[in-house]
C-alpha atoms as a PDB file:
ATOM      1  CA  MET A   1      35.560   9.836  61.690  1.00  0.00           C
ATOM      2  CA  SER A   2      34.552   9.004  58.313  1.00  0.00           C
ATOM      3  CA  ALA A   3      34.193  10.914  55.175  1.00  0.00           C
ATOM      4  CA  SER A   4      30.596  11.185  55.032  1.00  0.00           C
ATOM      5  CA  GLU A   5      31.143  12.795  59.005  1.00  0.00           C
ATOM      6  CA  TYR A   6      33.175  15.105  57.810  1.00  0.00           C
ATOM      7  CA  LEU A   7      31.338  16.334  55.380  1.00  0.00           C
ATOM      8  CA  GLU A   8      28.028  16.663  57.630  1.00  0.00           C
ATOM      9  CA  ASN A   9      29.835  19.004  59.924  1.00  0.00           C
ATOM     10  CA  ALA A  10      31.566  21.097  56.973  1.00  0.00           C
ATOM     11  CA  ILE A  11      28.386  20.969  55.668  1.00  0.00           C
ATOM     12  CA  LYS A  12      27.381  22.909  59.076  1.00  0.00           C
ATOM     13  CA  LEU A  13      30.314  24.763  59.282  1.00  0.00           C
ATOM     14  CA  LEU A  14      29.306  26.750  55.442  1.00  0.00           C
ATOM     15  CA  LYS A  15      26.046  27.151  56.880  1.00  0.00           C
ATOM     16  CA  GLU A  16      27.575  28.967  60.129  1.00  0.00           C
ATOM     17  CA  GLU A  17      29.604  30.702  57.211  1.00  0.00           C
ATOM     18  CA  LYS A  18      33.095  29.155  58.849  1.00  0.00           C
ATOM     19  CA  GLU A  19      34.598  28.159  55.351  1.00  0.00           C
ATOM     20  CA  HIS A  20      38.305  27.921  56.260  1.00  0.00           C
ATOM     21  CA  ASP A  21      37.190  25.436  58.832  1.00  0.00           C
ATOM     22  CA  ALA A  22      34.645  23.584  56.424  1.00  0.00           C
ATOM     23  CA  ILE A  23      37.754  23.315  53.679  1.00  0.00           C
ATOM     24  CA  VAL A  24      40.475  21.885  56.999  1.00  0.00           C
ATOM     25  CA  LEU A  25      37.371  18.735  57.195  1.00  0.00           C
ATOM     26  CA  LEU A  26      36.966  18.392  53.338  1.00  0.00           C
ATOM     27  CA  ASN A  27      40.531  18.340  52.805  1.00  0.00           C
ATOM     28  CA  LYS A  28      40.336  15.160  56.199  1.00  0.00           C
ATOM     29  CA  ALA A  29      37.112  13.649  54.313  1.00  0.00           C
ATOM     30  CA  LEU A  30      39.086  13.529  50.661  1.00  0.00           C
ATOM     31  CA  ASP A  31      42.615  12.137  52.196  1.00  0.00           C
ATOM     32  CA  LEU A  32      39.766   9.269  52.916  1.00  0.00           C
ATOM     33  CA  GLU A  33      37.544   9.210  50.089  1.00  0.00           C
ATOM     34  CA  PRO A  34      40.294  11.045  47.047  1.00  0.00           C
ATOM     35  CA  GLU A  35      37.020  10.450  44.577  1.00  0.00           C
ATOM     36  CA  CYS A  36      34.268  11.470  45.868  1.00  0.00           C
ATOM     37  CA  GLY A  37      32.396  14.313  44.027  1.00  0.00           C
ATOM     38  CA  ARG A  38      30.224  15.742  46.160  1.00  0.00           C
ATOM     39  CA  LEU A  39      33.409  16.380  48.746  1.00  0.00           C
ATOM     40  CA  TYR A  40      35.286  18.408  46.434  1.00  0.00           C
ATOM     41  CA  PHE A  41      31.730  20.369  45.178  1.00  0.00           C
ATOM     42  CA  CYS A  42      31.532  21.138  48.655  1.00  0.00           C
ATOM     43  CA  ARG A  43      35.151  22.232  48.783  1.00  0.00           C
ATOM     44  CA  GLY A  44      34.085  24.573  45.681  1.00  0.00           C
ATOM     45  CA  GLU A  45      31.238  26.225  46.984  1.00  0.00           C
ATOM     46  CA  ALA A  46      33.509  26.579  50.449  1.00  0.00           C
ATOM     47  CA  PHE A  47      35.976  28.328  48.284  1.00  0.00           C
ATOM     48  CA  ARG A  48      33.581  30.244  46.388  1.00  0.00           C
ATOM     49  CA  ALA A  49      31.692  31.638  49.312  1.00  0.00           C
ATOM     50  CA  LEU A  50      36.005  33.037  50.073  1.00  0.00           C
ATOM     51  CA  ASN A  51      35.753  34.598  46.649  1.00  0.00           C
ATOM     52  CA  ARG A  52      38.630  32.266  45.267  1.00  0.00           C
ATOM     53  CA  PHE A  53      36.298  31.575  41.910  1.00  0.00           C
ATOM     54  CA  ASN A  54      39.177  29.913  40.087  1.00  0.00           C
ATOM     55  CA  THR A  55      40.312  27.348  43.136  1.00  0.00           C
ATOM     56  CA  ALA A  56      36.414  26.619  43.387  1.00  0.00           C
ATOM     57  CA  LEU A  57      36.652  26.138  39.936  1.00  0.00           C
ATOM     58  CA  LYS A  58      39.265  23.809  39.414  1.00  0.00           C
ATOM     59  CA  ASP A  59      37.223  21.962  42.333  1.00  0.00           C
ATOM     60  CA  PHE A  60      33.706  22.365  40.459  1.00  0.00           C
ATOM     61  CA  GLU A  61      35.441  20.893  37.307  1.00  0.00           C
ATOM     62  CA  LYS A  62      36.698  17.335  39.002  1.00  0.00           C
ATOM     63  CA  ALA A  63      33.076  17.045  40.429  1.00  0.00           C
ATOM     64  CA  ALA A  64      32.013  17.210  37.048  1.00  0.00           C
ATOM     65  CA  GLU A  65      34.942  14.765  36.416  1.00  0.00           C
ATOM     66  CA  LEU A  66      33.409  12.041  39.233  1.00  0.00           C
ATOM     67  CA  GLY A  67      29.393  12.360  38.124  1.00  0.00           C
ATOM     68  CA  ILE A  68      28.326  15.596  40.048  1.00  0.00           C
ATOM     69  CA  VAL A  69      26.191  17.747  37.559  1.00  0.00           C
ATOM     70  CA  SER A  70      22.998  18.908  39.743  1.00  0.00           C
ATOM     71  CA  PHE A  71      21.121  21.755  39.147  1.00  0.00           C
ATOM     72  CA  ASP A  72      23.277  23.824  42.117  1.00  0.00           C
ATOM     73  CA  PHE A  73      26.572  22.643  40.790  1.00  0.00           C
ATOM     74  CA  TRP A  74      25.722  24.144  37.115  1.00  0.00           C
ATOM     75  CA  LEU A  75      24.349  27.297  39.149  1.00  0.00           C
ATOM     76  CA  ALA A  76      27.624  27.982  40.419  1.00  0.00           C
ATOM     77  CA  MET A  77      30.019  27.120  37.946  1.00  0.00           C
ATOM     78  CA  GLY A  78      28.321  29.461  36.204  1.00  0.00           C
ATOM     79  CA  ILE A  79      29.348  32.034  39.134  1.00  0.00           C
ATOM     80  CA  CYS A  80      32.481  31.116  39.415  1.00  0.00           C
ATOM     81  CA  GLN A  81      32.646  31.539  35.402  1.00  0.00           C
ATOM     82  CA  LEU A  82      31.462  34.662  35.609  1.00  0.00           C
ATOM     83  CA  LYS A  83      33.399  36.102  38.210  1.00  0.00           C
ATOM     84  CA  THR A  84      36.645  35.179  36.304  1.00  0.00           C
ATOM     85  CA  GLY A  85      35.578  36.911  33.741  1.00  0.00           C
ATOM     86  CA  SER A  86      34.875  33.351  31.195  1.00  0.00           C
ATOM     87  CA  PHE A  87      31.135  34.996  30.005  1.00  0.00           C
ATOM     88  CA  ALA A  88      30.314  32.177  27.112  1.00  0.00           C
ATOM     89  CA  GLU A  89      31.432  29.258  29.062  1.00  0.00           C
ATOM     90  CA  ALA A  90      29.277  30.745  32.539  1.00  0.00           C
ATOM     91  CA  GLU A  91      26.169  31.555  30.320  1.00  0.00           C
ATOM     92  CA  ALA A  92      26.766  27.543  28.627  1.00  0.00           C
ATOM     93  CA  SER A  93      26.926  25.788  32.330  1.00  0.00           C
ATOM     94  CA  LEU A  94      24.068  28.478  33.080  1.00  0.00           C
ATOM     95  CA  ASN A  95      21.507  26.755  30.555  1.00  0.00           C
ATOM     96  CA  HIS A  96      22.663  23.400  31.996  1.00  0.00           C
ATOM     97  CA  ALA A  97      21.047  25.307  35.168  1.00  0.00           C
ATOM     98  CA  LEU A  98      18.006  26.373  33.534  1.00  0.00           C
ATOM     99  CA  GLU A  99      17.659  22.518  31.717  1.00  0.00           C
ATOM    100  CA  SER A 100      17.418  21.070  35.101  1.00  0.00           C
ATOM    101  CA  ASP A 101      15.307  24.252  36.822  1.00  0.00           C
ATOM    102  CA  ALA A 102      13.037  26.353  34.434  1.00  0.00           C
ATOM    103  CA  GLU A 103      11.924  28.203  36.656  1.00  0.00           C
ATOM    104  CA  ASN A 104      14.112  29.687  38.529  1.00  0.00           C
ATOM    105  CA  ALA A 105      15.280  33.368  39.841  1.00  0.00           C
ATOM    106  CA  ASP A 106      18.907  32.965  40.733  1.00  0.00           C
ATOM    107  CA  ALA A 107      19.311  31.445  37.298  1.00  0.00           C
ATOM    108  CA  TYR A 108      17.753  33.774  35.106  1.00  0.00           C
ATOM    109  CA  TYR A 109      19.897  36.251  36.674  1.00  0.00           C
ATOM    110  CA  TRP A 110      23.020  34.869  36.671  1.00  0.00           C
ATOM    111  CA  ARG A 111      23.112  34.206  32.496  1.00  0.00           C
ATOM    112  CA  GLY A 112      21.323  37.496  32.325  1.00  0.00           C
ATOM    113  CA  ARG A 113      24.644  39.088  34.104  1.00  0.00           C
ATOM    114  CA  SER A 114      26.348  37.061  31.226  1.00  0.00           C
ATOM    115  CA  TYR A 115      24.430  37.920  28.743  1.00  0.00           C
ATOM    116  CA  PHE A 116      25.486  41.550  29.768  1.00  0.00           C
ATOM    117  CA  GLU A 117      28.972  41.011  29.437  1.00  0.00           C
ATOM    118  CA  LEU A 118      28.572  39.389  26.174  1.00  0.00           C
ATOM    119  CA  LYS A 119      27.132  42.399  24.618  1.00  0.00           C
ATOM    120  CA  ASN A 120      24.113  40.502  23.718  1.00  0.00           C
ATOM    121  CA  TYR A 121      21.399  42.655  25.484  1.00  0.00           C
ATOM    122  CA  ASP A 122      18.723  41.390  24.379  1.00  0.00           C
ATOM    123  CA  SER A 123      18.980  38.188  26.059  1.00  0.00           C
ATOM    124  CA  ALA A 124      19.782  39.530  28.941  1.00  0.00           C
ATOM    125  CA  ILE A 125      16.584  41.638  29.003  1.00  0.00           C
ATOM    126  CA  ALA A 126      14.509  38.743  28.874  1.00  0.00           C
ATOM    127  CA  ASP A 127      16.672  36.760  31.379  1.00  0.00           C
ATOM    128  CA  LEU A 128      16.295  39.573  33.624  1.00  0.00           C
ATOM    129  CA  SER A 129      12.664  40.035  33.580  1.00  0.00           C
ATOM    130  CA  ARG A 130      12.120  36.587  34.145  1.00  0.00           C
ATOM    131  CA  ALA A 131      14.347  36.858  37.336  1.00  0.00           C
ATOM    132  CA  VAL A 132      12.434  40.039  38.331  1.00  0.00           C
ATOM    133  CA  GLN A 133       9.207  37.858  37.933  1.00  0.00           C
ATOM    134  CA  LEU A 134      10.111  35.197  39.636  1.00  0.00           C
ATOM    135  CA  ASP A 135      11.712  36.874  42.670  1.00  0.00           C
ATOM    136  CA  ASP A 136      11.170  40.753  42.466  1.00  0.00           C
ATOM    137  CA  ASP A 137      13.103  41.103  45.672  1.00  0.00           C
ATOM    138  CA  ASN A 138      16.420  40.519  43.432  1.00  0.00           C
ATOM    139  CA  GLN A 139      17.677  43.566  43.263  1.00  0.00           C
ATOM    140  CA  GLY A 140      20.823  43.529  41.156  1.00  0.00           C
ATOM    141  CA  ALA A 141      18.165  41.848  38.203  1.00  0.00           C
ATOM    142  CA  LYS A 142      16.615  44.835  38.408  1.00  0.00           C
ATOM    143  CA  ALA A 143      19.927  46.942  38.610  1.00  0.00           C
ATOM    144  CA  PHE A 144      21.313  45.019  35.511  1.00  0.00           C
ATOM    145  CA  LEU A 145      17.750  45.020  33.588  1.00  0.00           C
ATOM    146  CA  SER A 146      17.854  48.435  34.308  1.00  0.00           C
ATOM    147  CA  LEU A 147      21.366  48.773  32.370  1.00  0.00           C
ATOM    148  CA  SER A 148      21.168  46.520  29.904  1.00  0.00           C
ATOM    149  CA  ARG A 149      17.876  48.457  28.464  1.00  0.00           C
ATOM    150  CA  SER A 150      19.970  51.265  28.767  1.00  0.00           C
ATOM    151  CA  ALA A 151      22.618  49.521  26.953  1.00  0.00           C
ATOM    152  CA  SER A 152      20.466  48.289  23.958  1.00  0.00           C
ATOM    153  CA  ILE A 153      19.021  51.655  23.052  1.00  0.00           C
ATOM    154  CA  PRO A 154      21.300  53.227  20.388  1.00  0.00           C
ATOM    155  CA  ILE A 155      22.679  56.480  21.103  1.00  0.00           C
ATOM    156  CA  ALA A 156      25.180  59.078  19.749  1.00  0.00           C
ATOM    157  CA  PRO A 157      28.712  59.086  20.560  1.00  0.00           C
ATOM    158  CA  PRO A 158      29.387  60.588  24.483  1.00  0.00           C
ATOM    159  CA  PRO A 159      30.954  63.574  24.882  1.00  0.00           C
ATOM    160  CA  PRO A 160      34.817  63.178  26.041  1.00  0.00           C
ATOM    161  CA  ILE A 161      35.104  62.258  29.722  1.00  0.00           C
ATOM    162  CA  ASP A 162      35.656  65.817  32.291  1.00  0.00           C
ATOM    163  CA  TRP A 163      38.325  62.834  34.398  1.00  0.00           C
ATOM    164  CA  ASN A 164      38.061  65.739  36.719  1.00  0.00           C
ATOM    165  CA  ASN A 165      34.879  65.890  37.557  1.00  0.00           C
ATOM    166  CA  MET A 166      34.480  62.065  38.244  1.00  0.00           C
ATOM    167  CA  PRO A 167      33.666  60.880  41.117  1.00  0.00           C
ATOM    168  CA  LYS A 168      36.186  60.147  44.139  1.00  0.00           C
ATOM    169  CA  SER A 169      35.797  56.810  46.683  1.00  0.00           C
ATOM    170  CA  SER A 170      36.533  56.843  50.004  1.00  0.00           C
ATOM    171  CA  TYR A 171      40.315  55.774  49.816  1.00  0.00           C
ATOM    172  CA  TYR A 172      40.974  59.533  48.931  1.00  0.00           C
ATOM    173  CA  LYS A 173      39.722  61.382  52.648  1.00  0.00           C
ATOM    174  CA  LYS A 174      42.675  58.899  54.025  1.00  0.00           C
ATOM    175  CA  ALA A 175      45.544  58.476  51.038  1.00  0.00           C
ATOM    176  CA  HIS A 176      49.390  59.267  51.460  1.00  0.00           C
ATOM    177  CA  ARG A 177      49.303  63.233  51.027  1.00  0.00           C
ATOM    178  CA  ASP A 178      52.248  62.764  48.231  1.00  0.00           C
ATOM    179  CA  ALA A 179      49.649  60.390  46.706  1.00  0.00           C
ATOM    180  CA  LYS A 180      47.051  63.304  47.080  1.00  0.00           C
ATOM    181  CA  ALA A 181      49.408  65.685  45.765  1.00  0.00           C
ATOM    182  CA  LEU A 182      50.455  63.564  42.157  1.00  0.00           C
ATOM    183  CA  LEU A 183      47.457  62.121  41.569  1.00  0.00           C
ATOM    184  CA  LYS A 184      45.245  65.259  41.176  1.00  0.00           C
ATOM    185  CA  GLU A 185      42.808  64.237  38.731  1.00  0.00           C
ATOM    186  CA  SER A 186      39.506  63.065  40.530  1.00  0.00           C
ATOM    187  CA  PHE A 187      39.844  60.055  37.848  1.00  0.00           C
ATOM    188  CA  PHE A 188      42.840  58.291  39.870  1.00  0.00           C
ATOM    189  CA  TRP A 189      40.455  58.081  43.193  1.00  0.00           C
ATOM    190  CA  SER A 190      37.037  56.668  40.646  1.00  0.00           C
ATOM    191  CA  ILE A 191      35.262  52.960  41.673  1.00  0.00           C
ATOM    192  CA  ASP A 192      35.333  53.189  37.396  1.00  0.00           C
ATOM    193  CA  GLU A 193      36.511  50.329  34.907  1.00  0.00           C
ATOM    194  CA  TYR A 194      37.835  53.111  32.887  1.00  0.00           C
ATOM    195  CA  GLY A 195      40.230  54.483  36.168  1.00  0.00           C
ATOM    196  CA  PRO A 196      43.281  52.865  37.697  1.00  0.00           C
ATOM    197  CA  ILE A 197      40.997  51.018  40.685  1.00  0.00           C
ATOM    198  CA  GLY A 198      38.286  49.777  38.464  1.00  0.00           C
ATOM    199  CA  GLY A 199      35.576  48.491  39.818  1.00  0.00           C
ATOM    200  CA  ASP A 200      34.566  45.694  41.363  1.00  0.00           C
ATOM    201  CA  LEU A 201      37.542  43.679  41.663  1.00  0.00           C
ATOM    202  CA  GLY A 202      39.646  46.735  42.192  1.00  0.00           C
ATOM    203  CA  MET A 203      37.649  47.234  45.051  1.00  0.00           C
ATOM    204  CA  ASP A 204      38.205  44.713  46.467  1.00  0.00           C
ATOM    205  CA  CYS A 205      41.741  44.271  45.986  1.00  0.00           C
ATOM    206  CA  MET A 206      42.330  48.055  47.794  1.00  0.00           C
ATOM    207  CA  GLU A 207      39.873  46.976  50.649  1.00  0.00           C
ATOM    208  CA  MET A 208      41.768  43.654  51.137  1.00  0.00           C
ATOM    209  CA  LEU A 209      45.788  45.833  50.697  1.00  0.00           C
ATOM    210  CA  TRP A 210      44.898  48.298  53.550  1.00  0.00           C
ATOM    211  CA  LYS A 211      43.718  46.183  55.947  1.00  0.00           C
ATOM    212  CA  TRP A 212      46.894  43.564  54.851  1.00  0.00           C
ATOM    213  CA  ARG A 213      49.078  46.963  54.742  1.00  0.00           C
ATOM    214  CA  LYS A 214      48.324  47.941  58.516  1.00  0.00           C
ATOM    215  CA  LYS A 215      49.146  44.299  59.453  1.00  0.00           C
ATOM    216  CA  ASN A 216      52.222  44.414  57.501  1.00  0.00           C
ATOM    217  CA  PRO A 217      54.207  47.399  57.470  1.00  0.00           C
ATOM    218  CA  ALA A 218      57.198  47.018  56.623  1.00  0.00           C
ATOM    219  CA  GLU A 219      56.534  43.795  54.112  1.00  0.00           C
ATOM    220  CA  SER A 220      56.784  44.310  50.402  1.00  0.00           C
ATOM    221  CA  MET A 221      53.321  44.772  48.654  1.00  0.00           C
ATOM    222  CA  ARG A 222      54.763  41.269  46.530  1.00  0.00           C
ATOM    223  CA  LYS A 223      54.204  39.074  49.263  1.00  0.00           C
ATOM    224  CA  PHE A 224      50.640  41.152  49.371  1.00  0.00           C
ATOM    225  CA  LEU A 225      50.219  40.387  45.208  1.00  0.00           C
ATOM    226  CA  ASP A 226      51.185  36.638  45.490  1.00  0.00           C
ATOM    227  CA  ALA A 227      49.165  35.756  48.439  1.00  0.00           C
ATOM    228  CA  LEU A 228      46.258  37.086  46.660  1.00  0.00           C
ATOM    229  CA  LEU A 229      47.102  35.458  43.131  1.00  0.00           C
ATOM    230  CA  TYR A 230      47.681  31.756  45.542  1.00  0.00           C
ATOM    231  CA  ASP A 231      43.904  32.309  46.999  1.00  0.00           C
ATOM    232  CA  TRP A 232      42.316  33.256  44.125  1.00  0.00           C
ATOM    233  CA  GLY A 233      43.985  30.149  42.397  1.00  0.00           C
ATOM    234  CA  TYR A 234      45.699  31.305  39.822  1.00  0.00           C
ATOM    235  CA  ASP A 235      48.216  29.150  38.307  1.00  0.00           C
ATOM    236  CA  PHE A 236      51.728  30.887  39.248  1.00  0.00           C
ATOM    237  CA  VAL A 237      53.727  29.419  35.358  1.00  0.00           C
ATOM    238  CA  VAL A 238      50.530  30.601  33.806  1.00  0.00           C
ATOM    239  CA  ILE A 239      51.488  33.633  35.763  1.00  0.00           C
ATOM    240  CA  ALA A 240      55.087  33.599  34.792  1.00  0.00           C
ATOM    241  CA  GLN A 241      53.958  32.851  31.117  1.00  0.00           C
ATOM    242  CA  ILE A 242      51.420  36.101  30.979  1.00  0.00           C
ATOM    243  CA  ALA A 243      54.046  38.293  32.834  1.00  0.00           C
ATOM    244  CA  ASN A 244      57.458  37.869  30.038  1.00  0.00           C
ATOM    245  CA  GLY A 245      55.349  41.210  28.322  1.00  0.00           C
ATOM    246  CA  ASP A 246      53.553  39.763  25.386  1.00  0.00           C
ATOM    247  CA  PRO A 247      49.871  41.550  24.514  1.00  0.00           C
ATOM    248  CA  SER A 248      48.912  38.818  22.768  1.00  0.00           C
ATOM    249  CA  HIS A 249      48.016  37.004  26.098  1.00  0.00           C
ATOM    250  CA  CYS A 250      45.345  39.574  26.569  1.00  0.00           C
ATOM    251  CA  VAL A 251      43.751  38.893  23.064  1.00  0.00           C
ATOM    252  CA  GLY A 252      44.176  35.156  23.164  1.00  0.00           C
ATOM    253  CA  GLU A 253      43.453  31.896  25.139  1.00  0.00           C
ATOM    254  CA  LEU A 254      44.565  33.530  28.518  1.00  0.00           C
ATOM    255  CA  HIS A 255      42.751  36.493  28.346  1.00  0.00           C
ATOM    256  CA  SER A 256      40.339  36.257  31.255  1.00  0.00           C
ATOM    257  CA  VAL A 257      43.358  35.459  33.097  1.00  0.00           C
ATOM    258  CA  ALA A 258      45.414  37.728  31.587  1.00  0.00           C
ATOM    259  CA  ASN A 259      43.437  40.674  32.112  1.00  0.00           C
ATOM    260  CA  ILE A 260      42.679  40.351  35.363  1.00  0.00           C
ATOM    261  CA  TYR A 261      46.236  39.682  36.527  1.00  0.00           C
ATOM    262  CA  ASP A 262      47.423  43.304  34.360  1.00  0.00           C
ATOM    263  CA  ASP A 263      44.330  44.779  36.428  1.00  0.00           C
ATOM    264  CA  THR A 264      44.958  44.105  39.719  1.00  0.00           C
ATOM    265  CA  LEU A 265      48.501  44.565  39.143  1.00  0.00           C
ATOM    266  CA  ILE A 266      47.966  48.033  38.219  1.00  0.00           C
ATOM    267  CA  ALA A 267      45.092  48.806  41.188  1.00  0.00           C
ATOM    268  CA  ILE A 268      47.675  47.496  43.763  1.00  0.00           C
ATOM    269  CA  SER A 269      50.250  49.614  42.375  1.00  0.00           C
ATOM    270  CA  PHE A 270      48.004  52.760  43.052  1.00  0.00           C
ATOM    271  CA  GLY A 271      46.801  51.222  46.392  1.00  0.00           C
ATOM    272  CA  GLN A 272      50.711  50.851  47.546  1.00  0.00           C
ATOM    273  CA  PHE A 273      51.346  54.775  45.913  1.00  0.00           C
ATOM    274  CA  MET A 274      47.600  55.599  47.612  1.00  0.00           C
ATOM    275  CA  VAL A 275      48.730  54.255  51.615  1.00  0.00           C
ATOM    276  CA  ASP A 276      52.829  54.085  51.682  1.00  0.00           C
ATOM    277  CA  GLY A 277      53.145  57.233  49.270  1.00  0.00           C
ATOM    278  CA  PHE A 278      55.711  55.193  47.141  1.00  0.00           C
ATOM    279  CA  LEU A 279      55.960  52.130  44.862  1.00  0.00           C
ATOM    280  CA  ASP A 280      57.827  49.365  45.655  1.00  0.00           C
ATOM    281  CA  ASP A 281      60.520  48.329  43.237  1.00  0.00           C
ATOM    282  CA  GLU A 282      59.361  45.098  42.969  1.00  0.00           C
ATOM    283  CA  LEU A 283      55.903  46.343  41.985  1.00  0.00           C
ATOM    284  CA  ARG A 284      57.462  48.667  39.216  1.00  0.00           C
ATOM    285  CA  LEU A 285      59.098  45.786  37.566  1.00  0.00           C
ATOM    286  CA  LEU A 286      55.565  44.230  37.067  1.00  0.00           C
ATOM    287  CA  VAL A 287      53.201  46.895  36.589  1.00  0.00           C
ATOM    288  CA  LEU A 288      55.071  49.118  33.965  1.00  0.00           C
ATOM    289  CA  PRO A 289      55.421  46.106  31.359  1.00  0.00           C
ATOM    290  CA  ALA A 290      51.800  45.026  32.701  1.00  0.00           C
ATOM    291  CA  ILE A 291      50.557  48.727  31.506  1.00  0.00           C
ATOM    292  CA  GLU A 292      52.506  48.804  28.199  1.00  0.00           C
ATOM    293  CA  ARG A 293      50.402  45.620  27.484  1.00  0.00           C
ATOM    294  CA  GLN A 294      47.601  47.527  28.247  1.00  0.00           C
ATOM    295  CA  SER A 295      48.609  50.399  26.024  1.00  0.00           C
ATOM    296  CA  GLN A 296      48.633  47.918  22.963  1.00  0.00           C
ATOM    297  CA  GLN A 297      46.096  48.578  20.068  1.00  0.00           C
ATOM    298  CA  MET A 298      45.134  44.962  19.926  1.00  0.00           C
ATOM    299  CA  VAL A 299      44.393  44.984  24.100  1.00  0.00           C
ATOM    300  CA  LEU A 300      43.001  48.424  23.829  1.00  0.00           C
ATOM    301  CA  ASP A 301      40.193  47.371  20.807  1.00  0.00           C
ATOM    302  CA  PHE A 302      39.579  44.104  22.576  1.00  0.00           C
ATOM    303  CA  ARG A 303      38.757  45.344  25.772  1.00  0.00           C
ATOM    304  CA  ALA A 304      36.888  48.034  25.379  1.00  0.00           C
ATOM    305  CA  GLY A 305      38.369  49.953  21.204  1.00  0.00           C
ATOM    306  CA  ASP A 306      37.175  53.607  22.567  1.00  0.00           C
ATOM    307  CA  THR A 307      38.982  57.135  22.937  1.00  0.00           C
ATOM    308  CA  ASP A 308      37.915  57.598  26.301  1.00  0.00           C
ATOM    309  CA  TYR A 309      39.817  54.169  27.557  1.00  0.00           C
ATOM    310  CA  ALA A 310      42.639  53.998  25.437  1.00  0.00           C
ATOM    311  CA  THR A 311      43.495  58.291  27.402  1.00  0.00           C
ATOM    312  CA  SER A 312      42.517  56.417  30.598  1.00  0.00           C
ATOM    313  CA  ARG A 313      45.508  54.105  30.307  1.00  0.00           C
ATOM    314  CA  GLN A 314      47.653  57.372  29.083  1.00  0.00           C
ATOM    315  CA  LYS A 315      47.127  58.452  32.152  1.00  0.00           C
ATOM    316  CA  ILE A 316      47.994  55.389  34.106  1.00  0.00           C
ATOM    317  CA  LYS A 317      51.430  54.816  32.380  1.00  0.00           C
ATOM    318  CA  GLU A 318      52.427  58.132  32.889  1.00  0.00           C
ATOM    319  CA  ALA A 319      50.908  58.330  36.424  1.00  0.00           C
ATOM    320  CA  LEU A 320      52.853  55.188  36.630  1.00  0.00           C
ATOM    321  CA  LEU A 321      55.742  56.963  35.505  1.00  0.00           C
ATOM    322  CA  GLN A 322      56.133  59.626  38.365  1.00  0.00           C
ATOM    323  CA  MET A 323      55.866  57.176  41.690  1.00  0.00           C
ATOM    324  CA  PRO A 324      58.778  57.806  43.587  1.00  0.00           C
ATOM    325  CA  ASP A 325      60.695  55.316  44.758  1.00  0.00           C
ATOM    326  CA  PRO A 326      61.262  54.112  48.298  1.00  0.00           C
ATOM    327  CA  PRO A 327      62.088  56.387  50.875  1.00  0.00           C
ATOM    328  CA  TRP A 328      65.190  54.146  51.881  1.00  0.00           C
ATOM    329  CA  LYS A 329      66.082  54.920  47.883  1.00  0.00           C
ATOM    330  CA  ARG A 330      66.245  58.028  47.371  1.00  0.00           C
END
């Protein structure tokens, strides 16, 4: 079978949401034509559909080197950059997308999302409003438009967070009794950027962790972490560099990877405690330096800069220190 035939079949599989099968065919095609930009772009799209955004970015970058710079390319690149926390880079990619198609609702939506993350609320409002004008069914654009308008209005500092009355996630009902006993505040169970589970990324980790644990009841949680990082396409040399305890990585060039890595470690550690009622030794050795990094003033200022965020990191640290060892070590 030729590379073009592999590509044609892979595109059909992607339409059927069979991304893993498509990747197998695209790998075979690349063995035949290793300098075909379209193959890299198509494989990047498969990885993007699997939420493996870092891996997708590597394929998109290779596709760009080989001359693939269409509207679809810039849109996909921008979305992946946004998903991995590279908001300024996402804005630049989506600028290119809109240069190719100035009336595309999706491009305005995702650039508006980038502006929102960069706290450029006026530009976010303009882009998200345009996205809604072009596509009135774009519920994401409407939601972020509302958030951008709210965020753009100067308001008085909010009262201190009532940690006990934050809404609990569904994880609380099915959690281990020891986790419920120690983690009494609703804060620990909330889907909130201040909490240990975090927002969308942490929630994705939790969903995958719960399913993985059912299939792997006796495995070390470190295996789950390593598999997750591998699936996301992270460079383990970079991860080792971040994990050395230096908080400057969280505010420097590696800040996106470093902060996502720390947040993921924290979410998985709390996830294991909620599922198993204890914390693995290997995970403990990784997560304690992570929360130390996240508790440093330079990192707090870089990521939030408010008192409540600093308080939440302290609560997370105290809870991690109290989580028990595995029962066979007690």
